[in-house]
Each structure stands twice: as structure tokens, then as C-alpha cells.
Protein backbone atom coordinates (compact mmCIF):
# COMPACT_ATOMS: atom_id res chain seq x y z
CA MET A 1 134.88 108.97 99.14
CA ARG A 2 135.99 112.44 97.01
CA GLY A 3 134.57 112.49 93.54
CA ALA A 4 130.73 113.11 93.21
CA ALA A 5 131.27 116.15 92.05
CA LYS A 6 132.32 115.32 88.80
CA ALA A 7 129.56 113.70 87.57
CA PRO A 8 127.47 116.54 86.38
CA PRO A 9 129.60 116.60 82.99
CA LEU A 10 129.79 112.93 82.24
CA VAL A 11 125.74 112.18 83.16
CA ARG A 12 124.85 114.89 80.14
CA GLN A 13 127.76 113.05 78.05
CA ALA A 14 125.66 109.78 78.36
CA LEU A 15 122.21 111.14 77.89
CA PHE A 16 123.01 113.21 75.12
CA SER A 17 124.95 109.63 73.47
CA PRO A 18 124.29 108.91 70.52
CA ALA A 19 123.48 104.99 71.88
CA SER A 20 120.53 106.44 72.18
CA ASN A 21 117.75 109.54 72.32
CA LEU A 22 116.18 111.75 73.98
CA TRP A 23 112.93 110.18 73.57
CA SER A 24 111.83 108.43 76.50
CA GLU A 25 109.52 105.80 77.78
CA LEU A 26 106.20 107.24 78.26
CA GLY A 27 106.62 108.34 74.91
CA VAL A 28 107.66 112.63 75.56
CA ASP A 29 110.11 113.56 73.56
CA LEU A 30 112.33 115.48 74.97
CA GLY A 31 114.73 116.75 72.13
CA ALA A 32 111.47 119.07 71.63
CA PRO A 33 111.56 123.05 72.12
CA GLY A 34 110.87 123.92 75.34
CA ARG A 35 110.81 120.58 76.65
CA ILE A 36 114.07 120.56 79.27
CA ALA A 37 116.19 123.34 79.86
CA ASP A 38 119.87 123.33 81.15
CA ALA A 39 120.10 125.75 83.34
CA GLY A 40 123.91 124.90 83.84
CA ASP A 41 126.53 124.12 86.71
CA LEU A 42 127.08 125.88 89.43
CA THR A 43 131.07 126.61 90.79
CA LEU A 44 131.41 125.71 94.66
CA PRO A 45 133.43 126.04 97.45
CA ASP A 46 134.44 123.32 99.69
CA SER A 47 132.82 125.02 102.90
CA ALA A 48 129.33 125.74 104.34
CA GLY A 49 128.93 128.42 102.16
CA ALA A 50 128.00 125.74 99.34
CA ILE A 51 124.43 125.25 100.47
CA GLY A 52 123.51 128.92 100.54
CA MET A 53 124.29 129.28 96.85
CA ILE A 54 122.23 126.50 95.96
CA GLU A 55 119.19 127.08 97.65
CA GLY A 56 119.64 130.87 95.75
CA ALA A 57 120.19 129.00 92.61
CA VAL A 58 117.42 126.38 92.91
CA ARG A 59 115.34 130.03 92.99
CA LEU A 60 115.95 131.22 91.45
CA LEU A 61 114.86 128.61 88.80
CA ILE A 62 111.79 128.21 90.49
CA ALA A 63 111.37 131.75 90.16
CA ASP A 64 111.60 131.54 86.43
CA GLY A 65 109.70 129.22 86.01
CA GLY A 66 111.28 125.98 85.90
CA SER A 67 111.38 122.72 87.71
CA PRO A 68 114.43 121.93 89.18
CA LEU A 69 116.15 118.72 87.95
CA VAL A 70 119.26 118.30 90.38
CA ILE A 71 122.55 116.17 89.34
CA GLY A 72 124.42 116.13 92.26
CA GLY A 73 127.23 116.06 93.48
CA ASP A 74 126.50 114.24 96.75
CA HIS A 75 123.45 114.05 98.76
CA ALA A 76 124.34 117.20 100.87
CA VAL A 77 123.05 118.95 97.72
CA THR A 78 119.29 117.70 98.73
CA TYR A 79 118.70 119.93 101.56
CA PRO A 80 119.51 123.46 100.03
CA VAL A 81 116.88 122.39 97.14
CA VAL A 82 114.27 121.01 99.02
CA ARG A 83 114.42 124.03 101.01
CA ALA A 84 114.21 126.67 97.38
CA VAL A 85 111.30 123.65 96.42
CA ALA A 86 109.68 123.88 99.42
CA ALA A 87 109.39 127.38 99.51
CA ARG A 88 107.26 127.27 96.59
CA HIS A 89 105.12 124.25 96.96
CA HIS A 90 104.12 122.93 100.83
CA GLY A 91 103.33 120.19 102.67
CA LEU A 92 105.79 118.39 100.66
CA THR A 93 106.01 114.36 100.34
CA ILE A 94 109.43 113.42 99.72
CA LEU A 95 110.24 109.86 97.85
CA HIS A 96 113.91 109.30 98.98
CA ILE A 97 115.59 106.40 97.33
CA ASP A 98 118.99 105.03 99.00
CA ALA A 99 120.57 102.43 100.05
CA HIS A 100 121.01 104.64 103.50
CA PRO A 101 118.72 106.69 105.24
CA ASP A 102 121.07 110.18 105.47
CA LEU A 103 118.91 110.88 108.82
CA TYR A 104 122.65 111.32 111.43
CA ASP A 105 121.92 114.35 113.29
CA GLN A 106 125.97 114.79 112.36
CA PHE A 107 128.17 112.69 111.00
CA GLU A 108 132.04 113.18 111.84
CA GLY A 109 131.27 116.57 113.66
CA ASN A 110 129.50 117.97 110.61
CA ARG A 111 125.58 118.64 110.75
CA LEU A 112 125.36 119.55 106.53
CA SER A 113 127.39 116.06 105.56
CA HIS A 114 125.72 113.70 102.45
CA ALA A 115 124.41 111.45 105.85
CA CYS A 116 122.35 114.43 106.90
CA PRO A 117 120.70 115.93 104.91
CA PHE A 118 117.14 114.03 105.30
CA ALA A 119 117.37 114.98 109.52
CA ARG A 120 118.06 118.96 108.27
CA ILE A 121 114.81 118.83 106.19
CA MET A 122 112.78 116.82 108.60
CA GLU A 123 113.67 119.33 111.65
CA GLU A 124 112.67 122.37 109.81
CA GLY A 125 109.76 120.78 108.07
CA LEU A 126 110.11 121.38 104.94
CA ALA A 127 108.39 118.17 103.98
CA ALA A 128 105.07 117.03 105.44
CA ARG A 129 105.80 112.95 104.98
CA LEU A 130 109.42 111.68 104.44
CA VAL A 131 108.89 108.09 102.03
CA GLN A 132 112.14 106.03 101.88
CA VAL A 133 112.16 102.58 99.45
CA GLY A 134 115.81 100.37 99.21
CA ILE A 135 117.29 100.30 103.03
CA ARG A 136 119.80 98.26 103.70
CA THR A 137 121.98 99.88 106.10
CA MET A 138 119.70 101.51 109.14
CA ASN A 139 121.63 101.62 112.42
CA GLY A 140 120.31 102.57 115.90
CA HIS A 141 121.07 106.25 116.28
CA GLN A 142 119.51 106.32 112.67
CA ARG A 143 116.23 104.33 113.81
CA GLU A 144 115.51 106.57 116.81
CA GLN A 145 115.96 109.46 113.98
CA ALA A 146 113.35 107.43 111.67
CA ARG A 147 110.77 106.89 114.23
CA ARG A 148 111.12 110.82 116.13
CA PHE A 149 110.75 112.36 112.16
CA GLY A 150 107.85 109.94 111.38
CA VAL A 151 109.42 108.65 108.55
CA GLU A 152 107.68 105.62 106.40
CA THR A 153 110.33 102.85 105.72
CA ILE A 154 110.47 100.48 102.32
CA ASP A 155 113.12 98.98 103.03
CA MET A 156 115.12 95.82 101.25
CA ARG A 157 113.35 93.46 103.13
CA ALA A 158 109.39 95.27 102.47
CA TRP A 159 110.66 95.67 98.84
CA ALA A 160 110.94 92.21 98.58
CA ALA A 161 107.90 91.11 100.38
CA GLY A 162 105.86 92.95 98.35
CA SER A 163 105.25 96.98 99.92
CA ARG A 164 105.32 99.87 97.28
CA PRO A 165 104.73 103.11 98.24
CA GLU A 166 101.97 105.34 98.58
CA VAL A 167 102.87 109.21 97.98
CA THR A 168 100.85 111.59 97.65
CA GLY A 169 99.88 115.78 96.95
CA PRO A 170 103.08 117.38 95.94
CA VAL A 171 106.18 115.06 95.40
CA TYR A 172 109.50 115.86 95.46
CA VAL A 173 111.81 112.62 94.19
CA SER A 174 115.30 112.05 95.26
CA ILE A 175 117.67 109.34 93.86
CA ASP A 176 120.94 108.43 95.37
CA LEU A 177 122.48 105.48 92.79
CA ASP A 178 123.52 103.44 95.56
CA GLY A 179 120.21 102.34 96.28
CA LEU A 180 120.36 100.23 93.62
CA ASP A 181 122.04 97.60 93.50
CA PRO A 182 125.92 97.66 92.58
CA ALA A 183 125.23 95.23 89.49
CA PHE A 184 123.30 97.96 88.01
CA ALA A 185 124.58 101.43 89.88
CA PRO A 186 128.91 100.02 90.55
CA GLY A 187 130.12 104.38 90.24
CA VAL A 188 129.01 105.14 93.88
CA SER A 189 131.16 105.71 96.91
CA HIS A 190 128.97 104.08 99.19
CA CYS A 191 128.85 100.54 97.66
CA GLU A 192 125.50 98.59 99.47
CA PRO A 193 124.85 94.81 97.80
CA GLY A 194 120.83 93.70 97.33
CA GLY A 195 119.20 97.03 96.03
CA LEU A 196 116.88 97.57 93.16
CA SER A 197 116.77 96.94 89.90
CA ALA A 198 117.46 99.99 87.18
CA ARG A 199 113.79 98.63 86.17
CA ASP A 200 112.11 99.11 89.81
CA VAL A 201 113.53 102.51 89.79
CA ILE A 202 112.49 103.86 86.49
CA GLY A 203 108.87 101.38 87.60
CA LEU A 204 109.18 103.73 90.89
CA VAL A 205 109.12 107.25 88.44
CA HIS A 206 106.41 106.37 85.85
CA ALA A 207 104.42 105.67 89.00
CA LEU A 208 104.17 108.39 90.45
CA PRO A 209 100.86 109.60 90.52
CA SER A 210 101.31 113.38 90.05
CA PRO A 211 104.12 115.69 87.71
CA PRO A 212 106.75 115.63 90.65
CA VAL A 213 107.64 119.50 91.45
CA GLY A 214 111.36 118.69 91.29
CA ALA A 215 114.15 115.82 91.51
CA ASP A 216 117.32 114.92 92.05
CA ILE A 217 119.78 112.26 91.53
CA VAL A 218 123.03 112.55 93.52
CA GLU A 219 126.07 110.04 94.69
CA PHE A 220 128.02 108.91 91.11
CA ASN A 221 131.11 109.10 91.34
CA ALA A 222 132.99 107.94 87.95
CA SER A 223 136.30 107.26 89.83
CA GLN A 224 134.31 103.67 90.73
CA ASP A 225 132.95 103.09 86.89
CA PRO A 226 135.44 102.14 84.41
CA LEU A 227 133.25 101.06 81.69
CA GLY A 228 130.23 103.90 82.43
CA LEU A 229 128.03 101.98 83.32
CA THR A 230 126.50 104.60 86.14
CA ALA A 231 126.55 107.55 84.23
CA HIS A 232 123.81 105.50 81.77
CA VAL A 233 121.73 104.71 84.33
CA ALA A 234 121.77 108.29 86.21
CA ALA A 235 121.32 109.58 82.20
CA LYS A 236 118.15 106.81 81.94
CA LEU A 237 116.96 108.10 85.19
CA LEU A 238 116.87 111.66 84.25
CA LYS A 239 115.26 111.24 81.55
CA GLU A 240 112.40 109.24 82.26
CA LEU A 241 112.22 111.78 85.64
CA ALA A 242 112.47 114.54 83.24
CA ALA A 243 109.57 113.44 81.27
CA ARG A 244 107.12 112.57 84.41
CA MET A 245 108.12 115.91 84.99
CA ALA A 246 106.79 117.44 81.45
CA SER A 247 103.46 115.99 81.75
CA ALA A 248 102.23 118.12 84.25
């Protein structure tokens, strides 16, 4: 389902809404000078060429001293962003929050699909560890892929039983909004009940042992979000991630 490409301006609008403010729960004022900067949006072709453009833009941002916090877009954007981050930070641990493992070798003939980014990331050795939280749709092929790549999976049954991720080293956080239960984030293309709460995900961000070296928030589809709730959830997660990144 198309629509995620229209997300960034709506997340910005929610972030700067007068209904809230730019102070995070961690006590960081993101409105203070120099705390965050907006690098703007990329104008991307509807082709595989978008992958190289995303990687190149993030590499430039990192070279300028920035730490990327990317608003998608669908989950395909994570692969080029991680390629850029891994060139600077070796031995990455990726904390991936999602209903879906996104480990397909190819999906509908496309190896760069939103359903495949973590297969590409692990094939290329861009991360030392991939820790997935919130999974509740893993099929046989993706189970095989998870075993192949040594993925550490905390599915929703394990989460409900009390399992929590332990991450170390340089951490990259990738949040697919469908990792949350639709009660909290209905505006997604692939709705899957039985997921995490907004507070669960905020708690994971706050509990990170070190500031993330990069992050993304993806798969917000405003066409499925008539009340604008998911935009505000995405903005809230962005604010708490940015505050955690700014605490370096």
C-alpha cells in the first residue's frame, strides 16, 4: 500500500504542534539552539536509484558531524541508511522494532523491497547483531533466514512473558510503526494486532545503554490515519529518540 512517502512533513507538523512542546521526558529541550537540525527531504525517483541517493545523503550528514534520525518512507530506506552508518561505526547492534522481521530474500521479485532490508544488511555484514522486538508474523522462510543470520528475536509471546533485549556497543534503532499495536498507531500499511504499546517503545528507547548512533522511524501511512493519531505517535518517538541521541 503506497502512502508512506508522504509522512515526513506530517511528522514534522505533529512534532512542532502547539498542542505539545519540544521537551522530552528525559529533560532534554530539543528546541535549544544546536540540539537538532533538519536536513530536509530527499526527492527520490521511483526506482532502485533511490537507494544510492539515500546512502549518499546520509554519508554527507555524518561527514558533517551529524547523527542521522531518518523519517521514512517505508522500511526499504533502512538498508541504505545503515550502509552509511556502518561505514563510520563498526560492530553495529541494530534494535529493530516491528511486527514483521523484514528478512525476505526477495519479495515479489524485488530484493530491495520494504520486506527485505535486514536480509541485505546481514548479508553484507553491516551489523554484528540484529535484535528484533515485537515480531508476530514470522513465516517459514523468514524463520530460516533468522537462523541463517543469527537474528535474536523477541516476538510478542516472549515479550508478554517478560523477555527484554540486551544491546551493547554502537546501537542503531529502527522503528516500524506497525510494531506498535494498531490501537496506538493505526496509520500503517500493514496492520497487525497484538503489538507493543507506545509506552513499551518509549521505554525501550529510554533504556538504551548508550546514545544511538543513528535511527529511523518508518511506515507511517497517513491515508490510514484519519484522526492524525499516528503522526503524533511518530513525533513522540522521534522526540524521545532525538533526546537520547543528544545525551551523548
